[in-house]
Amino acid sequence: MDKIDLIRTVPIFSELEESTVQQIVDIGLKRKYTKNSIIFLEEEAGAILFIISTGKVKIVRTDDDGKEVILSILGPGDFFGEMALLDGLPRSATVVALDESELFVINRREFIKLLEDSPQVATSLLRELTRRLRRADEQIENLSLRDAVGRVASVIIQLADESGKIRKGQVVIDDFPLQQDLANMAGTSRETISRTIHQFMRLGYVNQKGNSFIINEYEKFKNLFS
């Protein structure tokens, strides 16, 4: 994917005029990260916005017991690192490359200037931040109010909504996360993830083929656990 096509996939840039898109392309650089490498650490100073060109990353925090909690898994077209750019405070989470990844980066000074020059970008950014805040509220509710099965189902639904592909009523999630990563997202154990997914399989709710995870009758599954 070339830089212009990449910028067009990012929600906050998707409706910009060609000249503004070219401006963004001109101010950004590409960086490559190997699998499992740390892109930045929680509490680091932040001066860069990251846009994912290829690969996936996980956004994580560590609780008081040292356990990793995955807040989100992001893929091509997603962006991260914007909070530290806007408020000048340290990074609020750690970001790790889940596989070999290529990222498009924009420094803070250029990004702030872009917001000042393009009100449309600022409005789109506010809309995206609001969407993420709502999703964070939902995650808090799922972790605090639901039982383990409900939390696992909620994580599967989140992944389906974020990266699933609808095919004849089914939703297929390619490159489904490892069970330990799912456990860190759901706030439970790997054993619970394994047991719950096998339970869903026995009930005919889901299937797995290689690295792909298939939700049969997705709307029915979502209604059961939303």
C-alpha atoms as a PDB file:
ATOM      1  CA  MET A   1       0.000   0.000   0.000  1.00  0.00           C
ATOM      2  CA  ASP A   2       1.499   3.358  -0.990  1.00  0.00           C
ATOM      3  CA  LYS A   3       1.399   6.352   1.344  1.00  0.00           C
ATOM      4  CA  ILE A   4      -1.562   8.101  -0.298  1.00  0.00           C
ATOM      5  CA  ASP A   5      -3.695   4.926  -0.251  1.00  0.00           C
ATOM      6  CA  LEU A   6      -2.722   4.377   3.386  1.00  0.00           C
ATOM      7  CA  ILE A   7      -3.741   7.893   4.437  1.00  0.00           C
ATOM      8  CA  ARG A   8      -7.081   7.417   2.669  1.00  0.00           C
ATOM      9  CA  THR A   9      -7.823   4.368   4.864  1.00  0.00           C
ATOM     10  CA  VAL A  10      -7.446   6.351   8.100  1.00  0.00           C
ATOM     11  CA  PRO A  11     -10.893   7.563   9.273  1.00  0.00           C
ATOM     12  CA  ILE A  12      -9.740  11.045  10.299  1.00  0.00           C
ATOM     13  CA  PHE A  13      -8.096  11.625   6.900  1.00  0.00           C
ATOM     14  CA  SER A  14     -10.485   9.787   4.571  1.00  0.00           C
ATOM     15  CA  GLU A  15     -12.496  12.819   3.387  1.00  0.00           C
ATOM     16  CA  LEU A  16      -9.667  15.302   2.946  1.00  0.00           C
ATOM     17  CA  GLU A  17      -8.870  17.028  -0.322  1.00  0.00           C
ATOM     18  CA  GLU A  18      -6.060  15.578  -2.416  1.00  0.00           C
ATOM     19  CA  SER A  19      -3.746  18.504  -1.652  1.00  0.00           C
ATOM     20  CA  THR A  20      -4.117  17.970   2.115  1.00  0.00           C
ATOM     21  CA  VAL A  21      -3.532  14.234   1.773  1.00  0.00           C
ATOM     22  CA  GLN A  22      -0.361  14.965  -0.170  1.00  0.00           C
ATOM     23  CA  GLN A  23       0.690  17.366   2.596  1.00  0.00           C
ATOM     24  CA  ILE A  24       0.322  14.566   5.155  1.00  0.00           C
ATOM     25  CA  VAL A  25       2.313  12.192   2.957  1.00  0.00           C
ATOM     26  CA  ASP A  26       5.089  14.764   2.672  1.00  0.00           C
ATOM     27  CA  ILE A  27       5.448  15.292   6.441  1.00  0.00           C
ATOM     28  CA  GLY A  28       5.421  11.620   7.438  1.00  0.00           C
ATOM     29  CA  LEU A  29       8.021   8.852   7.462  1.00  0.00           C
ATOM     30  CA  LYS A  30       7.802   5.062   7.442  1.00  0.00           C
ATOM     31  CA  ARG A  31       9.305   2.902  10.172  1.00  0.00           C
ATOM     32  CA  LYS A  32       9.560  -0.879  10.393  1.00  0.00           C
ATOM     33  CA  TYR A  33       9.238  -2.940  13.577  1.00  0.00           C
ATOM     34  CA  THR A  34       9.985  -6.624  14.084  1.00  0.00           C
ATOM     35  CA  LYS A  35       7.558  -9.035  15.722  1.00  0.00           C
ATOM     36  CA  ASN A  36       7.256  -8.570  19.516  1.00  0.00           C
ATOM     37  CA  SER A  37       9.289  -5.355  19.479  1.00  0.00           C
ATOM     38  CA  ILE A  38       8.192  -2.507  21.751  1.00  0.00           C
ATOM     39  CA  ILE A  39       7.094   0.576  19.826  1.00  0.00           C
ATOM     40  CA  PHE A  40       6.885   2.693  22.943  1.00  0.00           C
ATOM     41  CA  LEU A  41       6.497   2.204  26.693  1.00  0.00           C
ATOM     42  CA  GLU A  42       3.900   3.490  29.105  1.00  0.00           C
ATOM     43  CA  GLU A  43       5.068   6.730  30.791  1.00  0.00           C
ATOM     44  CA  GLU A  44       7.472   7.597  27.954  1.00  0.00           C
ATOM     45  CA  ALA A  45       7.342  11.097  26.530  1.00  0.00           C
ATOM     46  CA  GLY A  46       5.297  11.117  23.351  1.00  0.00           C
ATOM     47  CA  ALA A  47       5.999  13.201  20.271  1.00  0.00           C
ATOM     48  CA  ILE A  48       4.842  10.983  17.385  1.00  0.00           C
ATOM     49  CA  LEU A  49       1.528   9.870  15.874  1.00  0.00           C
ATOM     50  CA  PHE A  50       1.624   6.327  14.449  1.00  0.00           C
ATOM     51  CA  ILE A  51      -0.491   4.985  11.561  1.00  0.00           C
ATOM     52  CA  ILE A  52      -0.373   1.255  10.808  1.00  0.00           C
ATOM     53  CA  SER A  53       0.479   0.419   7.207  1.00  0.00           C
ATOM     54  CA  THR A  54       1.002  -3.338   7.617  1.00  0.00           C
ATOM     55  CA  GLY A  55       0.925  -5.708  10.585  1.00  0.00           C
ATOM     56  CA  LYS A  56      -0.845  -5.500  13.936  1.00  0.00           C
ATOM     57  CA  VAL A  57      -0.043  -4.017  17.336  1.00  0.00           C
ATOM     58  CA  LYS A  58      -1.450  -4.454  20.818  1.00  0.00           C
ATOM     59  CA  ILE A  59      -2.102  -1.633  23.275  1.00  0.00           C
ATOM     60  CA  VAL A  60      -1.345  -2.860  26.797  1.00  0.00           C
ATOM     61  CA  ARG A  61      -1.159  -1.715  30.383  1.00  0.00           C
ATOM     62  CA  THR A  62       0.187  -3.528  33.431  1.00  0.00           C
ATOM     63  CA  ASP A  63      -1.909  -3.851  36.586  1.00  0.00           C
ATOM     64  CA  ASP A  64      -0.633  -3.605  40.167  1.00  0.00           C
ATOM     65  CA  ASP A  65       0.192  -7.338  40.178  1.00  0.00           C
ATOM     66  CA  GLY A  66       2.306  -7.057  37.044  1.00  0.00           C
ATOM     67  CA  LYS A  67      -0.299  -8.736  34.833  1.00  0.00           C
ATOM     68  CA  GLU A  68      -0.671  -7.515  31.268  1.00  0.00           C
ATOM     69  CA  VAL A  69      -4.068  -6.163  30.278  1.00  0.00           C
ATOM     70  CA  ILE A  70      -4.681  -5.713  26.546  1.00  0.00           C
ATOM     71  CA  LEU A  71      -6.797  -2.656  25.845  1.00  0.00           C
ATOM     72  CA  SER A  72      -6.970  -3.084  22.080  1.00  0.00           C
ATOM     73  CA  ILE A  73      -5.490  -4.796  19.046  1.00  0.00           C
ATOM     74  CA  LEU A  74      -5.056  -2.530  16.022  1.00  0.00           C
ATOM     75  CA  GLY A  75      -4.389  -3.267  12.353  1.00  0.00           C
ATOM     76  CA  PRO A  76      -3.814  -1.527   9.003  1.00  0.00           C
ATOM     77  CA  GLY A  77      -5.439   1.907   8.781  1.00  0.00           C
ATOM     78  CA  ASP A  78      -5.664   2.317  12.559  1.00  0.00           C
ATOM     79  CA  PHE A  79      -3.699   5.021  14.375  1.00  0.00           C
ATOM     80  CA  PHE A  80      -2.418   5.444  17.914  1.00  0.00           C
ATOM     81  CA  GLY A  81      -0.313   7.766  20.046  1.00  0.00           C
ATOM     82  CA  GLU A  82      -2.565  10.780  19.571  1.00  0.00           C
ATOM     83  CA  MET A  83      -3.276  11.407  23.270  1.00  0.00           C
ATOM     84  CA  ALA A  84       0.301  12.310  24.189  1.00  0.00           C
ATOM     85  CA  LEU A  85       0.494  14.571  21.142  1.00  0.00           C
ATOM     86  CA  LEU A  86      -2.600  16.500  22.196  1.00  0.00           C
ATOM     87  CA  ASP A  87      -1.946  16.953  25.915  1.00  0.00           C
ATOM     88  CA  GLY A  88       1.854  16.722  26.043  1.00  0.00           C
ATOM     89  CA  LEU A  89       1.716  14.151  28.858  1.00  0.00           C
ATOM     90  CA  PRO A  90       3.565  10.803  28.922  1.00  0.00           C
ATOM     91  CA  ARG A  91       2.234   7.782  27.037  1.00  0.00           C
ATOM     92  CA  SER A  92      -0.748   6.190  28.766  1.00  0.00           C
ATOM     93  CA  ALA A  93       0.017   2.618  27.615  1.00  0.00           C
ATOM     94  CA  THR A  94       2.658   0.393  26.053  1.00  0.00           C
ATOM     95  CA  VAL A  95       2.421  -0.618  22.395  1.00  0.00           C
ATOM     96  CA  VAL A  96       3.943  -3.870  21.091  1.00  0.00           C
ATOM     97  CA  ALA A  97       4.151  -5.157  17.508  1.00  0.00           C
ATOM     98  CA  LEU A  98       2.296  -8.476  17.238  1.00  0.00           C
ATOM     99  CA  ASP A  99       4.064  -9.282  13.971  1.00  0.00           C
ATOM    100  CA  GLU A 100       6.362  -7.543  11.522  1.00  0.00           C
ATOM    101  CA  SER A 101       4.825  -4.114  11.076  1.00  0.00           C
ATOM    102  CA  GLU A 102       5.353  -1.008   9.000  1.00  0.00           C
ATOM    103  CA  LEU A 103       4.135   2.248  10.505  1.00  0.00           C
ATOM    104  CA  PHE A 104       3.724   5.729   9.070  1.00  0.00           C
ATOM    105  CA  VAL A 105       4.746   8.339  11.639  1.00  0.00           C
ATOM    106  CA  ILE A 106       4.065  12.067  11.983  1.00  0.00           C
ATOM    107  CA  ASN A 107       5.810  14.204  14.597  1.00  0.00           C
ATOM    108  CA  ARG A 108       3.921  16.340  17.100  1.00  0.00           C
ATOM    109  CA  ARG A 109       4.769  19.735  15.641  1.00  0.00           C
ATOM    110  CA  GLU A 110       3.593  18.782  12.153  1.00  0.00           C
ATOM    111  CA  PHE A 111       0.452  17.084  13.475  1.00  0.00           C
ATOM    112  CA  ILE A 112      -0.586  20.079  15.596  1.00  0.00           C
ATOM    113  CA  LYS A 113      -0.054  22.348  12.594  1.00  0.00           C
ATOM    114  CA  LEU A 114      -2.227  20.019  10.513  1.00  0.00           C
ATOM    115  CA  LEU A 115      -5.027  20.297  13.095  1.00  0.00           C
ATOM    116  CA  GLU A 116      -4.747  24.086  13.064  1.00  0.00           C
ATOM    117  CA  ASP A 117      -4.777  24.262   9.265  1.00  0.00           C
ATOM    118  CA  SER A 118      -7.478  21.624   8.698  1.00  0.00           C
ATOM    119  CA  PRO A 119     -10.541  21.951  10.971  1.00  0.00           C
ATOM    120  CA  GLN A 120     -11.995  18.906   9.230  1.00  0.00           C
ATOM    121  CA  VAL A 121      -9.165  16.761  10.600  1.00  0.00           C
ATOM    122  CA  ALA A 122      -9.730  18.148  14.106  1.00  0.00           C
ATOM    123  CA  THR A 123     -13.467  17.386  13.901  1.00  0.00           C
ATOM    124  CA  SER A 124     -12.842  13.859  12.614  1.00  0.00           C
ATOM    125  CA  LEU A 125     -10.286  13.293  15.368  1.00  0.00           C
ATOM    126  CA  LEU A 126     -12.790  14.366  18.041  1.00  0.00           C
ATOM    127  CA  ARG A 127     -15.340  11.974  16.550  1.00  0.00           C
ATOM    128  CA  GLU A 128     -12.853   9.091  16.621  1.00  0.00           C
ATOM    129  CA  LEU A 129     -11.752   9.869  20.191  1.00  0.00           C
ATOM    130  CA  THR A 130     -15.393   9.897  21.283  1.00  0.00           C
ATOM    131  CA  ARG A 131     -15.910   6.498  19.648  1.00  0.00           C
ATOM    132  CA  ARG A 132     -12.889   5.120  21.493  1.00  0.00           C
ATOM    133  CA  LEU A 133     -14.122   6.551  24.789  1.00  0.00           C
ATOM    134  CA  ARG A 134     -17.488   4.847  24.339  1.00  0.00           C
ATOM    135  CA  ARG A 135     -15.724   1.574  23.562  1.00  0.00           C
ATOM    136  CA  ALA A 136     -13.574   1.964  26.679  1.00  0.00           C
ATOM    137  CA  ASP A 137     -16.731   2.472  28.760  1.00  0.00           C
ATOM    138  CA  GLU A 138     -18.150  -0.732  27.280  1.00  0.00           C
ATOM    139  CA  GLN A 139     -14.946  -2.611  28.114  1.00  0.00           C
ATOM    140  CA  ILE A 140     -15.077  -1.423  31.715  1.00  0.00           C
ATOM    141  CA  GLU A 141     -18.692  -2.532  31.984  1.00  0.00           C
ATOM    142  CA  ASN A 142     -17.893  -5.940  30.460  1.00  0.00           C
ATOM    143  CA  LEU A 143     -14.972  -6.547  32.804  1.00  0.00           C
ATOM    144  CA  SER A 144     -16.782  -5.406  35.936  1.00  0.00           C
ATOM    145  CA  LEU A 145     -20.349  -6.666  35.466  1.00  0.00           C
ATOM    146  CA  ARG A 146     -20.176  -9.846  33.383  1.00  0.00           C
ATOM    147  CA  ASP A 147     -19.174 -13.401  34.221  1.00  0.00           C
ATOM    148  CA  ALA A 148     -16.205 -15.044  32.494  1.00  0.00           C
ATOM    149  CA  VAL A 149     -18.260 -16.421  29.594  1.00  0.00           C
ATOM    150  CA  GLY A 150     -19.802 -13.010  28.986  1.00  0.00           C
ATOM    151  CA  ARG A 151     -16.376 -11.328  29.032  1.00  0.00           C
ATOM    152  CA  VAL A 152     -14.958 -13.813  26.531  1.00  0.00           C
ATOM    153  CA  ALA A 153     -17.971 -13.356  24.240  1.00  0.00           C
ATOM    154  CA  SER A 154     -17.631  -9.574  24.496  1.00  0.00           C
ATOM    155  CA  VAL A 155     -13.985  -9.731  23.413  1.00  0.00           C
ATOM    156  CA  ILE A 156     -14.921 -11.921  20.436  1.00  0.00           C
ATOM    157  CA  ILE A 157     -17.642  -9.432  19.465  1.00  0.00           C
ATOM    158  CA  GLN A 158     -15.190  -6.536  19.808  1.00  0.00           C
ATOM    159  CA  LEU A 159     -12.714  -8.276  17.485  1.00  0.00           C
ATOM    160  CA  ALA A 160     -15.499  -9.084  15.022  1.00  0.00           C
ATOM    161  CA  ASP A 161     -16.682  -5.465  14.928  1.00  0.00           C
ATOM    162  CA  GLU A 162     -13.141  -4.123  14.538  1.00  0.00           C
ATOM    163  CA  SER A 163     -11.635  -6.526  11.993  1.00  0.00           C
ATOM    164  CA  GLY A 164     -14.177  -9.193  11.037  1.00  0.00           C
ATOM    165  CA  LYS A 165     -15.445  -9.804   7.512  1.00  0.00           C
ATOM    166  CA  ILE A 166     -19.133 -10.566   6.969  1.00  0.00           C
ATOM    167  CA  ARG A 167     -19.837 -13.518   4.683  1.00  0.00           C
ATOM    168  CA  LYS A 168     -23.420 -14.758   4.301  1.00  0.00           C
ATOM    169  CA  GLY A 169     -24.398 -14.022   7.893  1.00  0.00           C
ATOM    170  CA  GLN A 170     -21.110 -15.304   9.284  1.00  0.00           C
ATOM    171  CA  VAL A 171     -18.258 -13.147  10.499  1.00  0.00           C
ATOM    172  CA  VAL A 172     -14.716 -14.331   9.825  1.00  0.00           C
ATOM    173  CA  ILE A 173     -11.867 -12.943  11.935  1.00  0.00           C
ATOM    174  CA  ASP A 174      -8.540 -13.627  10.225  1.00  0.00           C
ATOM    175  CA  ASP A 175      -5.322 -13.888  12.270  1.00  0.00           C
ATOM    176  CA  PHE A 176      -7.305 -14.544  15.445  1.00  0.00           C
ATOM    177  CA  PRO A 177      -5.283 -13.616  18.570  1.00  0.00           C
ATOM    178  CA  LEU A 178      -3.533 -16.205  20.702  1.00  0.00           C
ATOM    179  CA  GLN A 179      -5.484 -17.521  23.686  1.00  0.00           C
ATOM    180  CA  GLN A 180      -3.196 -15.736  26.156  1.00  0.00           C
ATOM    181  CA  ASP A 181      -3.801 -12.441  24.376  1.00  0.00           C
ATOM    182  CA  LEU A 182      -7.552 -13.107  24.510  1.00  0.00           C
ATOM    183  CA  ALA A 183      -7.230 -13.821  28.227  1.00  0.00           C
ATOM    184  CA  ASN A 184      -5.421 -10.520  28.740  1.00  0.00           C
ATOM    185  CA  MET A 185      -8.218  -8.724  26.903  1.00  0.00           C
ATOM    186  CA  ALA A 186     -11.008 -10.452  28.837  1.00  0.00           C
ATOM    187  CA  GLY A 187      -9.384 -10.248  32.259  1.00  0.00           C
ATOM    188  CA  THR A 188      -9.423 -14.018  32.720  1.00  0.00           C
ATOM    189  CA  SER A 189      -7.131 -17.050  32.348  1.00  0.00           C
ATOM    190  CA  ARG A 190      -5.989 -18.852  29.212  1.00  0.00           C
ATOM    191  CA  GLU A 191      -7.704 -21.994  30.502  1.00  0.00           C
ATOM    192  CA  THR A 192     -11.004 -20.128  30.742  1.00  0.00           C
ATOM    193  CA  ILE A 193     -10.586 -18.875  27.175  1.00  0.00           C
ATOM    194  CA  SER A 194      -9.946 -22.412  25.913  1.00  0.00           C
ATOM    195  CA  ARG A 195     -12.870 -23.871  27.854  1.00  0.00           C
ATOM    196  CA  THR A 196     -15.284 -21.129  26.767  1.00  0.00           C
ATOM    197  CA  ILE A 197     -14.358 -21.302  23.082  1.00  0.00           C
ATOM    198  CA  HIS A 198     -14.798 -25.088  23.089  1.00  0.00           C
ATOM    199  CA  GLN A 199     -18.175 -24.570  24.752  1.00  0.00           C
ATOM    200  CA  PHE A 200     -19.156 -22.122  21.996  1.00  0.00           C
ATOM    201  CA  MET A 201     -18.029 -24.693  19.411  1.00  0.00           C
ATOM    202  CA  ARG A 202     -20.129 -27.447  20.960  1.00  0.00           C
ATOM    203  CA  LEU A 203     -23.140 -25.138  20.859  1.00  0.00           C
ATOM    204  CA  GLY A 204     -22.487 -24.379  17.191  1.00  0.00           C
ATOM    205  CA  TYR A 205     -21.854 -20.694  17.769  1.00  0.00           C
ATOM    206  CA  VAL A 206     -18.306 -20.636  16.365  1.00  0.00           C
ATOM    207  CA  ASN A 207     -15.724 -22.571  14.357  1.00  0.00           C
ATOM    208  CA  GLN A 208     -11.988 -22.287  13.836  1.00  0.00           C
ATOM    209  CA  LYS A 209     -10.059 -23.005  10.634  1.00  0.00           C
ATOM    210  CA  GLY A 210      -6.333 -22.457  11.013  1.00  0.00           C
ATOM    211  CA  ASN A 211      -5.817 -18.883  12.188  1.00  0.00           C
ATOM    212  CA  SER A 212      -9.343 -17.861  11.190  1.00  0.00           C
ATOM    213  CA  PHE A 213     -12.191 -17.696  13.699  1.00  0.00           C
ATOM    214  CA  ILE A 214     -15.748 -17.967  12.368  1.00  0.00           C
ATOM    215  CA  ILE A 215     -18.863 -16.781  14.176  1.00  0.00           C
ATOM    216  CA  ASN A 216     -21.930 -18.543  12.800  1.00  0.00           C
ATOM    217  CA  GLU A 217     -25.118 -16.438  12.711  1.00  0.00           C
ATOM    218  CA  TYR A 218     -23.263 -13.408  14.001  1.00  0.00           C
ATOM    219  CA  GLU A 219     -26.333 -11.310  14.771  1.00  0.00           C
ATOM    220  CA  LYS A 220     -27.765 -14.124  16.888  1.00  0.00           C
ATOM    221  CA  PHE A 221     -24.448 -14.477  18.764  1.00  0.00           C
ATOM    222  CA  LYS A 222     -24.255 -10.735  19.305  1.00  0.00           C
ATOM    223  CA  ASN A 223     -27.825 -10.567  20.605  1.00  0.00           C
ATOM    224  CA  LEU A 224     -27.109 -13.391  23.045  1.00  0.00           C
ATOM    225  CA  PHE A 225     -24.073 -11.723  24.603  1.00  0.00           C
ATOM    226  CA  SER A 226     -24.417  -7.958  24.020  1.00  0.00           C
END
